[in-house]
Amino acid sequence: MNDAPTPNRHDPHVGVVPLETIAEEGGLKVMQGILEGRLPGAALVRTLNMTLARVEEGVVEFRGTPTVDHLNPIGTIHGGWAATIMDSALACAVMTTLAPGEAYTTVEFKVNLTRPILPSTGEVSCEGRVVHRGRTIATSEAFLRDASGKLLAHGTETCAIFPIASVRR
């Protein structure tokens, strides 16, 4: 298996987890390794000002704080910011269910934005939970909430599960 280069050689906490590590450890151990800092997390978390906050089998939580750097032209946080934190929680929840030798990819996801997100919203949390895990398909749901618990968005995702040996980087 060929590993992709680490996006930032100066920061060992961001990059790409080697496929061999995922194949050997399985999804839960890899996600715990990212949370602990033993393995690199995705570089986009820096750009989007979000972080992995909790990992359990079938459950992942990301936290993020939107800023003026994430505004759309009308002055609210771009829907893509909310969609990205949600996709991260939705997909990583599925990843925690992978056995050694398995991989996954998102097939589709849907996000419903329920209220505007502003830079003044402050830190938000997004919990993703696996709803169903089959042999080749998994589904998950997530809820994005502000610090007071108000629902900002909710969504679902479908992921395909397959042998990691078929992944090429």
N, C-alpha and C. Protein backbone atom coordinates (compact mmCIF):
# COMPACT_ATOMS: atom_id res chain seq x y z
N MET A 1 0.85 -1.17 0.00
CA MET A 1 0.00 0.00 0.00
C MET A 1 0.89 1.23 0.00
N ASN A 2 0.49 2.23 -0.73
CA ASN A 2 1.27 3.45 -0.86
C ASN A 2 0.66 4.54 0.01
N ASP A 3 1.46 5.15 0.87
CA ASP A 3 0.94 6.18 1.75
C ASP A 3 1.06 7.55 1.11
N ALA A 4 0.02 8.37 1.34
CA ALA A 4 0.05 9.75 0.86
C ALA A 4 1.01 10.56 1.72
N PRO A 5 1.57 11.62 1.19
CA PRO A 5 2.48 12.44 1.99
C PRO A 5 1.74 13.18 3.09
N THR A 6 2.43 13.47 4.17
CA THR A 6 1.87 14.27 5.24
C THR A 6 1.77 15.71 4.76
N PRO A 7 0.58 16.35 4.89
CA PRO A 7 0.41 17.72 4.39
C PRO A 7 1.37 18.73 5.00
N ASN A 8 1.74 18.57 6.27
CA ASN A 8 2.62 19.53 6.92
C ASN A 8 3.67 18.76 7.70
N ARG A 9 4.86 18.67 7.17
CA ARG A 9 5.91 17.88 7.82
C ARG A 9 6.35 18.48 9.15
N HIS A 10 6.00 19.73 9.41
CA HIS A 10 6.40 20.39 10.65
C HIS A 10 5.43 20.15 11.80
N ASP A 11 4.27 19.59 11.53
CA ASP A 11 3.27 19.34 12.56
C ASP A 11 2.89 17.86 12.53
N PRO A 12 3.39 17.07 13.46
CA PRO A 12 3.11 15.63 13.45
C PRO A 12 1.67 15.29 13.83
N HIS A 13 0.89 16.28 14.26
CA HIS A 13 -0.48 16.02 14.67
C HIS A 13 -1.48 16.08 13.52
N VAL A 14 -1.02 16.49 12.33
CA VAL A 14 -1.90 16.50 11.16
C VAL A 14 -1.23 15.71 10.05
N GLY A 15 -2.06 15.12 9.23
CA GLY A 15 -1.52 14.34 8.12
C GLY A 15 -2.47 13.25 7.70
N VAL A 16 -1.90 12.13 7.29
CA VAL A 16 -2.66 10.99 6.80
C VAL A 16 -2.20 9.76 7.58
N VAL A 17 -3.14 9.02 8.11
CA VAL A 17 -2.80 7.79 8.82
C VAL A 17 -2.38 6.75 7.78
N PRO A 18 -1.25 6.09 7.97
CA PRO A 18 -0.84 5.06 7.01
C PRO A 18 -1.90 3.96 6.89
N LEU A 19 -2.14 3.52 5.66
CA LEU A 19 -3.12 2.46 5.44
C LEU A 19 -2.77 1.19 6.21
N GLU A 20 -1.48 0.91 6.34
CA GLU A 20 -1.06 -0.27 7.09
C GLU A 20 -1.53 -0.20 8.54
N THR A 21 -1.49 0.99 9.12
CA THR A 21 -1.93 1.17 10.50
C THR A 21 -3.43 0.92 10.61
N ILE A 22 -4.20 1.48 9.69
CA ILE A 22 -5.65 1.27 9.70
C ILE A 22 -5.96 -0.20 9.51
N ALA A 23 -5.26 -0.86 8.58
CA ALA A 23 -5.48 -2.28 8.30
C ALA A 23 -5.18 -3.14 9.52
N GLU A 24 -4.16 -2.78 10.28
CA GLU A 24 -3.75 -3.58 11.44
C GLU A 24 -4.59 -3.29 12.68
N GLU A 25 -4.89 -2.01 12.92
CA GLU A 25 -5.51 -1.62 14.18
C GLU A 25 -7.04 -1.61 14.15
N GLY A 26 -7.64 -1.37 12.99
CA GLY A 26 -9.08 -1.20 12.94
C GLY A 26 -9.47 0.22 13.27
N GLY A 27 -10.72 0.56 13.00
CA GLY A 27 -11.18 1.94 13.08
C GLY A 27 -11.22 2.55 14.46
N LEU A 28 -11.69 1.80 15.47
CA LEU A 28 -11.80 2.38 16.81
C LEU A 28 -10.43 2.74 17.36
N LYS A 29 -9.48 1.85 17.23
CA LYS A 29 -8.14 2.10 17.76
C LYS A 29 -7.48 3.27 17.02
N VAL A 30 -7.71 3.38 15.71
CA VAL A 30 -7.15 4.49 14.94
C VAL A 30 -7.77 5.81 15.39
N MET A 31 -9.09 5.85 15.53
CA MET A 31 -9.74 7.09 15.97
C MET A 31 -9.29 7.47 17.38
N GLN A 32 -9.11 6.49 18.26
CA GLN A 32 -8.60 6.79 19.60
C GLN A 32 -7.17 7.32 19.51
N GLY A 33 -6.38 6.78 18.58
CA GLY A 33 -5.02 7.25 18.37
C GLY A 33 -4.97 8.69 17.88
N ILE A 34 -5.93 9.07 17.06
CA ILE A 34 -6.00 10.47 16.60
C ILE A 34 -6.37 11.37 17.78
N LEU A 35 -7.35 10.95 18.56
CA LEU A 35 -7.78 11.73 19.73
C LEU A 35 -6.62 11.91 20.72
N GLU A 36 -5.84 10.86 20.93
CA GLU A 36 -4.72 10.91 21.88
C GLU A 36 -3.50 11.64 21.33
N GLY A 37 -3.46 11.88 20.00
CA GLY A 37 -2.30 12.50 19.39
C GLY A 37 -1.23 11.51 18.96
N ARG A 38 -1.50 10.22 19.10
CA ARG A 38 -0.56 9.18 18.67
C ARG A 38 -0.53 9.09 17.15
N LEU A 39 -1.66 9.37 16.51
CA LEU A 39 -1.77 9.35 15.05
C LEU A 39 -2.21 10.72 14.56
N PRO A 40 -1.86 11.08 13.33
CA PRO A 40 -2.23 12.41 12.82
C PRO A 40 -3.71 12.50 12.47
N GLY A 41 -4.26 13.68 12.69
CA GLY A 41 -5.63 13.97 12.26
C GLY A 41 -5.60 14.74 10.95
N ALA A 42 -6.75 14.90 10.35
CA ALA A 42 -6.85 15.60 9.07
C ALA A 42 -6.47 17.07 9.22
N ALA A 43 -5.72 17.59 8.26
CA ALA A 43 -5.26 18.98 8.29
C ALA A 43 -6.42 19.97 8.23
N LEU A 44 -7.54 19.56 7.65
CA LEU A 44 -8.65 20.51 7.50
C LEU A 44 -9.22 20.96 8.83
N VAL A 45 -8.98 20.23 9.92
CA VAL A 45 -9.50 20.67 11.21
C VAL A 45 -8.89 21.99 11.65
N ARG A 46 -7.65 22.25 11.24
CA ARG A 46 -7.03 23.56 11.55
C ARG A 46 -7.72 24.66 10.78
N THR A 47 -7.91 24.45 9.49
CA THR A 47 -8.54 25.46 8.64
C THR A 47 -9.94 25.80 9.11
N LEU A 48 -10.68 24.77 9.54
CA LEU A 48 -12.07 24.97 9.94
C LEU A 48 -12.25 25.18 11.44
N ASN A 49 -11.13 25.24 12.19
CA ASN A 49 -11.17 25.53 13.62
C ASN A 49 -12.06 24.53 14.37
N MET A 50 -11.80 23.26 14.13
CA MET A 50 -12.56 22.21 14.81
C MET A 50 -11.59 21.15 15.33
N THR A 51 -12.08 20.32 16.24
CA THR A 51 -11.23 19.31 16.85
C THR A 51 -12.04 18.07 17.20
N LEU A 52 -11.38 16.95 17.19
CA LEU A 52 -11.98 15.70 17.65
C LEU A 52 -12.02 15.75 19.17
N ALA A 53 -13.21 15.52 19.75
CA ALA A 53 -13.37 15.68 21.19
C ALA A 53 -13.67 14.39 21.93
N ARG A 54 -14.28 13.41 21.25
CA ARG A 54 -14.67 12.17 21.94
C ARG A 54 -14.76 11.04 20.93
N VAL A 55 -14.33 9.85 21.36
CA VAL A 55 -14.39 8.66 20.51
C VAL A 55 -14.84 7.48 21.35
N GLU A 56 -15.89 6.82 20.92
CA GLU A 56 -16.36 5.56 21.51
C GLU A 56 -16.77 4.68 20.34
N GLU A 57 -16.96 3.41 20.56
CA GLU A 57 -17.42 2.57 19.46
C GLU A 57 -18.81 3.04 19.02
N GLY A 58 -18.91 3.45 17.76
CA GLY A 58 -20.18 3.89 17.19
C GLY A 58 -20.54 5.34 17.47
N VAL A 59 -19.69 6.08 18.20
CA VAL A 59 -20.00 7.47 18.55
C VAL A 59 -18.72 8.31 18.45
N VAL A 60 -18.84 9.46 17.80
CA VAL A 60 -17.73 10.41 17.71
C VAL A 60 -18.29 11.81 17.90
N GLU A 61 -17.53 12.65 18.59
CA GLU A 61 -17.92 14.05 18.76
C GLU A 61 -16.79 14.95 18.28
N PHE A 62 -17.17 15.92 17.45
CA PHE A 62 -16.26 16.99 17.06
C PHE A 62 -16.78 18.27 17.67
N ARG A 63 -15.87 19.18 17.99
CA ARG A 63 -16.23 20.52 18.46
C ARG A 63 -15.56 21.52 17.54
N GLY A 64 -16.22 22.63 17.34
CA GLY A 64 -15.64 23.65 16.48
C GLY A 64 -16.15 25.02 16.84
N THR A 65 -15.37 26.02 16.48
CA THR A 65 -15.77 27.41 16.71
C THR A 65 -15.67 28.14 15.38
N PRO A 66 -16.82 28.47 14.79
CA PRO A 66 -16.79 29.21 13.53
C PRO A 66 -16.31 30.64 13.76
N THR A 67 -15.60 31.17 12.76
CA THR A 67 -15.06 32.53 12.86
C THR A 67 -15.45 33.32 11.61
N VAL A 68 -15.04 34.57 11.58
CA VAL A 68 -15.31 35.41 10.40
C VAL A 68 -14.66 34.82 9.15
N ASP A 69 -13.65 33.99 9.30
CA ASP A 69 -13.03 33.34 8.15
C ASP A 69 -13.95 32.33 7.48
N HIS A 70 -15.06 31.98 8.12
CA HIS A 70 -15.98 30.98 7.60
C HIS A 70 -17.30 31.59 7.13
N LEU A 71 -17.34 32.93 7.00
CA LEU A 71 -18.57 33.61 6.59
C LEU A 71 -18.87 33.44 5.10
N ASN A 72 -20.15 33.40 4.79
CA ASN A 72 -20.58 33.47 3.39
C ASN A 72 -20.82 34.95 3.06
N PRO A 73 -21.16 35.29 1.83
CA PRO A 73 -21.31 36.70 1.44
C PRO A 73 -22.42 37.47 2.19
N ILE A 74 -23.39 36.77 2.78
CA ILE A 74 -24.45 37.50 3.49
C ILE A 74 -24.18 37.62 4.99
N GLY A 75 -23.04 37.09 5.45
CA GLY A 75 -22.63 37.33 6.83
C GLY A 75 -22.97 36.24 7.83
N THR A 76 -23.42 35.09 7.36
CA THR A 76 -23.60 33.95 8.26
C THR A 76 -22.52 32.92 7.94
N ILE A 77 -22.34 31.97 8.84
CA ILE A 77 -21.34 30.93 8.61
C ILE A 77 -21.79 30.08 7.42
N HIS A 78 -20.88 29.86 6.51
CA HIS A 78 -21.17 29.10 5.29
C HIS A 78 -21.69 27.71 5.65
N GLY A 79 -22.70 27.27 4.93
CA GLY A 79 -23.26 25.94 5.16
C GLY A 79 -22.24 24.83 5.00
N GLY A 80 -21.22 25.07 4.19
CA GLY A 80 -20.16 24.08 4.01
C GLY A 80 -19.37 23.83 5.29
N TRP A 81 -19.27 24.85 6.14
CA TRP A 81 -18.59 24.66 7.42
C TRP A 81 -19.38 23.68 8.27
N ALA A 82 -20.68 23.92 8.39
CA ALA A 82 -21.54 23.02 9.17
C ALA A 82 -21.55 21.62 8.54
N ALA A 83 -21.63 21.55 7.22
CA ALA A 83 -21.64 20.25 6.55
C ALA A 83 -20.35 19.48 6.80
N THR A 84 -19.22 20.17 6.86
CA THR A 84 -17.95 19.49 7.05
C THR A 84 -17.81 18.94 8.46
N ILE A 85 -18.18 19.70 9.47
CA ILE A 85 -18.09 19.17 10.83
C ILE A 85 -19.07 18.01 10.98
N MET A 86 -20.22 18.10 10.32
CA MET A 86 -21.20 17.01 10.40
C MET A 86 -20.71 15.77 9.66
N ASP A 87 -20.17 15.95 8.45
CA ASP A 87 -19.64 14.81 7.70
C ASP A 87 -18.52 14.13 8.49
N SER A 88 -17.70 14.92 9.16
CA SER A 88 -16.62 14.36 9.97
C SER A 88 -17.18 13.47 11.08
N ALA A 89 -18.16 13.96 11.80
CA ALA A 89 -18.75 13.18 12.90
C ALA A 89 -19.49 11.96 12.36
N LEU A 90 -20.23 12.14 11.29
CA LEU A 90 -21.00 11.03 10.71
C LEU A 90 -20.10 9.91 10.22
N ALA A 91 -19.08 10.27 9.46
CA ALA A 91 -18.20 9.26 8.87
C ALA A 91 -17.28 8.64 9.92
N CYS A 92 -16.74 9.44 10.81
CA CYS A 92 -15.83 8.90 11.82
C CYS A 92 -16.56 7.98 12.81
N ALA A 93 -17.85 8.23 13.05
CA ALA A 93 -18.62 7.30 13.88
C ALA A 93 -18.64 5.93 13.21
N VAL A 94 -18.84 5.91 11.90
CA VAL A 94 -18.79 4.64 11.16
C VAL A 94 -17.39 4.04 11.24
N MET A 95 -16.37 4.88 11.11
CA MET A 95 -15.00 4.37 11.14
C MET A 95 -14.72 3.60 12.43
N THR A 96 -15.31 4.03 13.54
CA THR A 96 -15.06 3.34 14.82
C THR A 96 -15.56 1.91 14.82
N THR A 97 -16.38 1.53 13.85
CA THR A 97 -16.91 0.17 13.79
C THR A 97 -16.10 -0.74 12.86
N LEU A 98 -15.08 -0.20 12.20
CA LEU A 98 -14.31 -1.00 11.25
C LEU A 98 -13.40 -2.00 11.95
N ALA A 99 -13.45 -3.22 11.48
CA ALA A 99 -12.53 -4.26 11.96
C ALA A 99 -11.20 -4.09 11.23
N PRO A 100 -10.13 -4.62 11.78
CA PRO A 100 -8.87 -4.61 11.04
C PRO A 100 -9.09 -5.21 9.64
N GLY A 101 -8.52 -4.54 8.64
CA GLY A 101 -8.68 -5.00 7.25
C GLY A 101 -9.84 -4.38 6.51
N GLU A 102 -10.66 -3.57 7.20
CA GLU A 102 -11.79 -2.92 6.55
C GLU A 102 -11.51 -1.44 6.32
N ALA A 103 -12.15 -0.90 5.29
CA ALA A 103 -12.12 0.53 4.98
C ALA A 103 -13.56 0.97 4.71
N TYR A 104 -13.74 2.27 4.51
CA TYR A 104 -15.07 2.79 4.22
C TYR A 104 -14.95 4.05 3.38
N THR A 105 -16.05 4.43 2.80
CA THR A 105 -16.14 5.73 2.14
C THR A 105 -17.59 6.20 2.21
N THR A 106 -17.76 7.50 2.23
CA THR A 106 -19.11 8.08 2.24
C THR A 106 -19.74 7.88 0.87
N VAL A 107 -20.96 7.39 0.87
CA VAL A 107 -21.73 7.23 -0.37
C VAL A 107 -22.64 8.44 -0.56
N GLU A 108 -23.28 8.87 0.51
CA GLU A 108 -24.12 10.07 0.45
C GLU A 108 -24.32 10.60 1.86
N PHE A 109 -24.56 11.93 1.93
CA PHE A 109 -24.97 12.49 3.21
C PHE A 109 -25.91 13.65 2.98
N LYS A 110 -26.77 13.87 3.99
CA LYS A 110 -27.77 14.92 3.92
C LYS A 110 -27.70 15.72 5.21
N VAL A 111 -27.73 17.04 5.04
CA VAL A 111 -27.67 17.94 6.18
C VAL A 111 -28.87 18.88 6.12
N ASN A 112 -29.52 19.05 7.25
CA ASN A 112 -30.61 20.02 7.39
C ASN A 112 -30.11 21.11 8.33
N LEU A 113 -30.00 22.33 7.84
CA LEU A 113 -29.58 23.47 8.66
C LEU A 113 -30.84 24.07 9.27
N THR A 114 -30.91 24.14 10.59
CA THR A 114 -32.15 24.56 11.25
C THR A 114 -32.16 25.99 11.75
N ARG A 115 -30.99 26.58 11.94
CA ARG A 115 -30.92 28.00 12.32
C ARG A 115 -29.57 28.55 11.90
N PRO A 116 -29.48 29.86 11.72
CA PRO A 116 -28.22 30.45 11.26
C PRO A 116 -27.11 30.25 12.29
N ILE A 117 -25.91 30.06 11.79
CA ILE A 117 -24.72 30.00 12.64
C ILE A 117 -23.93 31.27 12.36
N LEU A 118 -23.51 31.94 13.42
CA LEU A 118 -22.78 33.20 13.32
C LEU A 118 -21.44 33.06 14.04
N PRO A 119 -20.50 33.95 13.77
CA PRO A 119 -19.26 33.90 14.56
C PRO A 119 -19.53 34.05 16.06
N SER A 120 -20.59 34.77 16.40
CA SER A 120 -20.94 34.95 17.82
C SER A 120 -21.59 33.70 18.44
N THR A 121 -21.89 32.71 17.62
CA THR A 121 -22.47 31.47 18.14
C THR A 121 -21.53 30.80 19.13
N GLY A 122 -20.24 30.95 18.91
CA GLY A 122 -19.25 30.33 19.79
C GLY A 122 -19.06 28.86 19.47
N GLU A 123 -18.50 28.14 20.43
CA GLU A 123 -18.20 26.72 20.19
C GLU A 123 -19.47 25.90 20.02
N VAL A 124 -19.44 25.02 19.05
CA VAL A 124 -20.55 24.09 18.80
C VAL A 124 -20.01 22.67 18.94
N SER A 125 -20.93 21.74 19.16
CA SER A 125 -20.54 20.34 19.22
C SER A 125 -21.39 19.55 18.25
N CYS A 126 -20.78 18.54 17.68
CA CYS A 126 -21.49 17.68 16.73
C CYS A 126 -21.22 16.23 17.10
N GLU A 127 -22.27 15.55 17.51
CA GLU A 127 -22.14 14.14 17.85
C GLU A 127 -22.70 13.30 16.72
N GLY A 128 -21.88 12.38 16.23
CA GLY A 128 -22.31 11.42 15.22
C GLY A 128 -22.45 10.05 15.85
N ARG A 129 -23.51 9.33 15.48
CA ARG A 129 -23.81 8.00 16.02
C ARG A 129 -24.17 7.04 14.91
N VAL A 130 -23.65 5.84 14.99
CA VAL A 130 -24.02 4.81 14.02
C VAL A 130 -25.44 4.36 14.32
N VAL A 131 -26.26 4.32 13.29
CA VAL A 131 -27.63 3.85 13.40
C VAL A 131 -27.69 2.37 13.02
N HIS A 132 -26.96 2.01 11.97
CA HIS A 132 -26.95 0.63 11.47
C HIS A 132 -25.58 0.31 10.92
N ARG A 133 -25.07 -0.86 11.26
CA ARG A 133 -23.80 -1.32 10.70
C ARG A 133 -24.02 -2.72 10.15
N GLY A 134 -24.02 -2.83 8.83
CA GLY A 134 -24.12 -4.12 8.18
C GLY A 134 -22.77 -4.56 7.66
N ARG A 135 -22.77 -5.58 6.83
CA ARG A 135 -21.52 -6.11 6.28
C ARG A 135 -20.89 -5.16 5.28
N THR A 136 -21.72 -4.49 4.44
CA THR A 136 -21.19 -3.61 3.39
C THR A 136 -21.72 -2.19 3.44
N ILE A 137 -22.70 -1.93 4.28
CA ILE A 137 -23.31 -0.59 4.38
C ILE A 137 -23.47 -0.22 5.85
N ALA A 138 -23.18 1.04 6.16
CA ALA A 138 -23.44 1.56 7.50
C ALA A 138 -24.14 2.91 7.36
N THR A 139 -25.02 3.22 8.30
CA THR A 139 -25.67 4.53 8.31
C THR A 139 -25.43 5.18 9.68
N SER A 140 -25.42 6.51 9.66
CA SER A 140 -25.20 7.25 10.89
C SER A 140 -26.05 8.51 10.89
N GLU A 141 -26.21 9.10 12.07
CA GLU A 141 -26.94 10.35 12.23
C GLU A 141 -26.11 11.27 13.11
N ALA A 142 -26.29 12.57 12.93
CA ALA A 142 -25.55 13.54 13.74
C ALA A 142 -26.42 14.75 14.04
N PHE A 143 -26.06 15.40 15.15
CA PHE A 143 -26.75 16.61 15.60
C PHE A 143 -25.70 17.65 15.95
N LEU A 144 -25.84 18.83 15.37
CA LEU A 144 -24.94 19.95 15.62
C LEU A 144 -25.67 20.91 16.55
N ARG A 145 -25.08 21.20 17.72
CA ARG A 145 -25.74 22.03 18.73
C ARG A 145 -24.80 23.12 19.23
N ASP A 146 -25.40 24.24 19.67
CA ASP A 146 -24.59 25.30 20.29
C ASP A 146 -24.37 24.96 21.76
N ALA A 147 -23.66 25.82 22.47
CA ALA A 147 -23.30 25.54 23.86
C ALA A 147 -24.52 25.39 24.78
N SER A 148 -25.65 26.01 24.43
CA SER A 148 -26.85 25.89 25.25
C SER A 148 -27.71 24.69 24.85
N GLY A 149 -27.26 23.94 23.84
CA GLY A 149 -28.00 22.75 23.41
C GLY A 149 -28.97 22.99 22.27
N LYS A 150 -29.07 24.23 21.77
CA LYS A 150 -29.98 24.50 20.65
C LYS A 150 -29.50 23.78 19.40
N LEU A 151 -30.44 23.17 18.70
CA LEU A 151 -30.13 22.44 17.48
C LEU A 151 -29.84 23.42 16.34
N LEU A 152 -28.67 23.28 15.74
CA LEU A 152 -28.28 24.12 14.60
C LEU A 152 -28.43 23.38 13.28
N ALA A 153 -28.22 22.06 13.33
CA ALA A 153 -28.33 21.24 12.12
C ALA A 153 -28.41 19.77 12.53
N HIS A 154 -28.97 18.97 11.64
CA HIS A 154 -28.98 17.52 11.85
C HIS A 154 -28.83 16.86 10.49
N GLY A 155 -28.37 15.63 10.49
CA GLY A 155 -28.14 14.98 9.21
C GLY A 155 -27.91 13.49 9.33
N THR A 156 -27.82 12.86 8.16
CA THR A 156 -27.59 11.43 8.09
C THR A 156 -26.54 11.14 7.02
N GLU A 157 -25.96 9.95 7.10
CA GLU A 157 -24.93 9.56 6.14
C GLU A 157 -25.01 8.06 5.89
N THR A 158 -24.66 7.67 4.68
CA THR A 158 -24.51 6.27 4.31
C THR A 158 -23.08 6.06 3.87
N CYS A 159 -22.46 5.01 4.41
CA CYS A 159 -21.08 4.67 4.05
C CYS A 159 -21.02 3.24 3.52
N ALA A 160 -20.16 3.04 2.54
CA ALA A 160 -19.88 1.70 2.04
C ALA A 160 -18.69 1.15 2.80
N ILE A 161 -18.75 -0.14 3.14
CA ILE A 161 -17.68 -0.85 3.84
C ILE A 161 -17.07 -1.85 2.86
N PHE A 162 -15.74 -1.92 2.80
CA PHE A 162 -15.07 -2.81 1.84
C PHE A 162 -13.69 -3.17 2.35
N PRO A 163 -13.05 -4.16 1.72
CA PRO A 163 -11.69 -4.53 2.15
C PRO A 163 -10.70 -3.39 1.91
N ILE A 164 -9.86 -3.12 2.89
CA ILE A 164 -8.89 -2.04 2.77
C ILE A 164 -7.88 -2.31 1.65
N ALA A 165 -7.69 -3.57 1.30
CA ALA A 165 -6.74 -3.92 0.24
C ALA A 165 -7.13 -3.29 -1.10
N SER A 166 -8.39 -2.89 -1.26
CA SER A 166 -8.83 -2.27 -2.52
C SER A 166 -8.58 -0.77 -2.57
N VAL A 167 -8.07 -0.18 -1.48
CA VAL A 167 -7.80 1.26 -1.43
C VAL A 167 -6.44 1.55 -2.06
N ARG A 168 -6.42 2.54 -2.91
CA ARG A 168 -5.17 2.98 -3.53
C ARG A 168 -5.00 4.46 -3.24
N ARG A 169 -3.81 4.86 -2.82
CA ARG A 169 -3.53 6.28 -2.60
C ARG A 169 -2.50 6.72 -3.59
